[in-house]
């Protein structure tokens, strides 16, 4: 039975190739590409805790480069929060913070999260020095 099916497939493939349609069988036999999954977790708010020895502000960025308005500047041992419902971003987009250190570098959060209007908060921490710091999602 398997041998007969393989033989039929070989004959069909040869016939399609002769007709210039070999790609039709190959395309039909391929599994459909999976839809991209949302980043996890799914949250409504993004907070950044400043654990670095510098002043920061941050804004939200998407995979496509859309940006929210920035927070005000804040020093070490403080945090700010952006509620994504107050931004022009649409639910379902993947987002992460873009942190700006005063007189230092701009650093992206290490992980994307998805925007869902569910009241949940993703908290990142900014740690290091103005020219060498990380922005890490707390788990």
Protein backbone atom coordinates (compact mmCIF):
# COMPACT_ATOMS: atom_id res chain seq x y z
CA UNK A 1 0.00 0.00 0.00
CA UNK A 2 2.75 2.50 0.99
CA UNK A 3 4.75 1.46 -2.04
CA UNK A 4 1.73 2.07 -4.33
CA UNK A 5 1.11 5.50 -2.83
CA UNK A 6 4.78 6.41 -3.25
CA UNK A 7 4.70 5.21 -6.85
CA UNK A 8 1.56 7.27 -7.57
CA UNK A 9 3.16 10.36 -6.00
CA UNK A 10 6.30 9.87 -8.10
CA UNK A 11 4.22 9.55 -11.29
CA UNK A 12 2.14 12.60 -10.37
CA UNK A 13 5.27 14.63 -9.55
CA UNK A 14 6.85 13.63 -12.86
CA UNK A 15 3.66 14.57 -14.73
CA UNK A 16 3.47 17.96 -13.02
CA UNK A 17 7.16 18.58 -13.68
CA UNK A 18 6.63 17.85 -17.36
CA UNK A 19 3.76 20.34 -17.36
CA UNK A 20 5.88 22.94 -15.55
CA UNK A 21 3.79 22.66 -12.38
CA UNK A 22 6.18 20.79 -10.07
CA UNK A 23 5.94 23.50 -7.42
CA UNK A 24 2.18 23.00 -7.12
CA UNK A 25 2.52 19.57 -5.51
CA UNK A 26 5.39 20.68 -3.28
CA UNK A 27 3.49 23.75 -2.08
CA UNK A 28 0.36 21.74 -1.37
CA UNK A 29 2.31 19.17 0.62
CA UNK A 30 3.93 21.77 2.93
CA UNK A 31 2.34 22.49 6.30
CA UNK A 32 0.86 25.94 6.75
CA UNK A 33 3.09 28.47 8.48
CA UNK A 34 2.09 29.05 12.07
CA UNK A 35 0.74 32.48 12.96
CA UNK A 36 3.17 34.43 15.12
CA UNK A 37 2.37 33.98 18.79
CA UNK A 38 1.85 36.91 21.11
CA UNK A 39 4.69 37.72 23.43
CA UNK A 40 4.11 36.69 27.02
CA UNK A 41 2.99 37.97 29.43
CA UNK A 42 0.00 39.95 28.25
CA UNK A 43 -0.26 43.24 30.20
CA UNK A 44 -1.96 46.63 30.28
CA UNK A 45 0.77 48.59 32.08
CA UNK A 46 4.56 48.84 31.89
CA UNK A 47 6.62 49.95 34.89
CA UNK A 48 10.36 50.64 35.01
CA UNK A 49 12.18 50.72 38.36
CA UNK A 50 15.36 52.82 38.31
CA UNK A 51 18.04 50.80 40.10
CA UNK A 52 20.87 52.58 38.29
CA UNK A 53 23.00 55.45 39.51
CA UNK A 54 21.48 57.93 37.06
CA UNK A 55 18.30 59.77 36.10
CA UNK A 56 16.02 58.12 33.50
CA UNK A 57 12.78 58.42 31.63
CA UNK A 58 11.21 55.86 29.34
CA UNK A 59 8.67 55.39 26.62
CA UNK A 60 7.02 52.35 25.10
CA UNK A 61 8.09 51.03 21.70
CA UNK A 62 6.57 48.35 19.45
CA UNK A 63 8.25 45.87 17.12
CA UNK A 64 7.30 48.24 14.28
CA UNK A 65 8.95 51.23 16.00
CA UNK A 66 5.85 53.10 17.21
CA UNK A 67 6.59 55.17 20.33
CA UNK A 68 4.50 56.42 23.22
CA UNK A 69 5.07 59.74 24.96
CA UNK A 70 7.94 59.56 27.49
CA UNK A 71 7.54 59.65 31.25
CA UNK A 72 9.04 62.46 33.29
CA UNK A 73 12.66 62.13 34.47
CA UNK A 74 13.15 60.22 37.73
CA UNK A 75 16.16 59.28 39.89
CA UNK A 76 17.45 56.06 41.45
CA UNK A 77 15.07 54.08 43.68
CA UNK A 78 11.96 55.45 41.97
CA UNK A 79 9.70 54.03 39.31
CA UNK A 80 7.20 55.23 36.73
CA UNK A 81 4.33 53.46 34.99
CA UNK A 82 2.70 53.85 31.58
CA UNK A 83 -0.85 52.57 31.20
CA UNK A 84 -1.05 51.42 27.58
CA UNK A 85 -4.76 52.34 27.40
CA UNK A 86 -3.62 55.98 27.55
CA UNK A 87 -1.44 55.56 24.43
CA UNK A 88 -2.41 55.37 20.75
CA UNK A 89 -1.12 51.78 20.61
CA UNK A 90 -3.60 49.05 19.73
CA UNK A 91 -4.28 45.97 21.82
CA UNK A 92 -2.41 42.89 20.64
CA UNK A 93 0.86 44.64 19.73
CA UNK A 94 4.12 43.55 21.31
CA UNK A 95 5.74 46.29 23.38
CA UNK A 96 8.77 46.96 25.57
CA UNK A 97 10.29 50.00 27.26
CA UNK A 98 12.93 52.21 25.68
CA UNK A 99 14.86 53.74 28.58
CA UNK A 100 16.79 57.01 28.19
CA UNK A 101 19.55 57.72 30.73
CA UNK A 102 20.29 61.43 31.18
CA UNK A 103 23.75 62.04 29.62
CA UNK A 104 23.90 58.33 28.76
CA UNK A 105 22.65 55.60 26.49
CA UNK A 106 19.19 54.60 25.31
CA UNK A 107 18.50 50.93 26.10
CA UNK A 108 15.61 48.68 25.08
CA UNK A 109 13.95 46.26 27.48
CA UNK A 110 15.29 42.74 27.05
CA UNK A 111 11.88 41.16 26.39
CA UNK A 112 8.69 42.08 24.56
CA UNK A 113 5.31 41.69 26.26
CA UNK A 114 1.88 41.89 24.63
CA UNK A 115 -0.62 44.66 25.21
CA UNK A 116 -3.95 43.41 26.62
CA UNK A 117 -6.41 45.63 28.51
CA UNK A 118 -6.45 43.30 31.52
CA UNK A 119 -5.11 45.48 34.37
CA UNK A 120 -1.84 43.51 34.65
CA UNK A 121 1.59 45.19 34.91
CA UNK A 122 4.98 44.12 33.53
CA UNK A 123 7.82 45.50 35.64
CA UNK A 124 11.31 46.06 34.27
CA UNK A 125 14.37 47.17 36.19
CA UNK A 126 17.10 49.49 34.84
CA UNK A 127 20.46 48.67 36.47
CA UNK A 128 24.05 49.74 35.86
CA UNK A 129 25.67 53.03 34.91
CA UNK A 130 24.70 55.68 32.34
CA UNK A 131 26.84 54.18 29.60
CA UNK A 132 26.51 50.50 30.59
CA UNK A 133 23.12 49.39 31.87
CA UNK A 134 20.44 46.80 31.24
CA UNK A 135 16.65 46.91 31.25
CA UNK A 136 15.37 43.55 32.40
CA UNK A 137 11.84 42.17 32.76
CA UNK A 138 11.27 40.87 36.29
CA UNK A 139 9.68 37.42 36.42
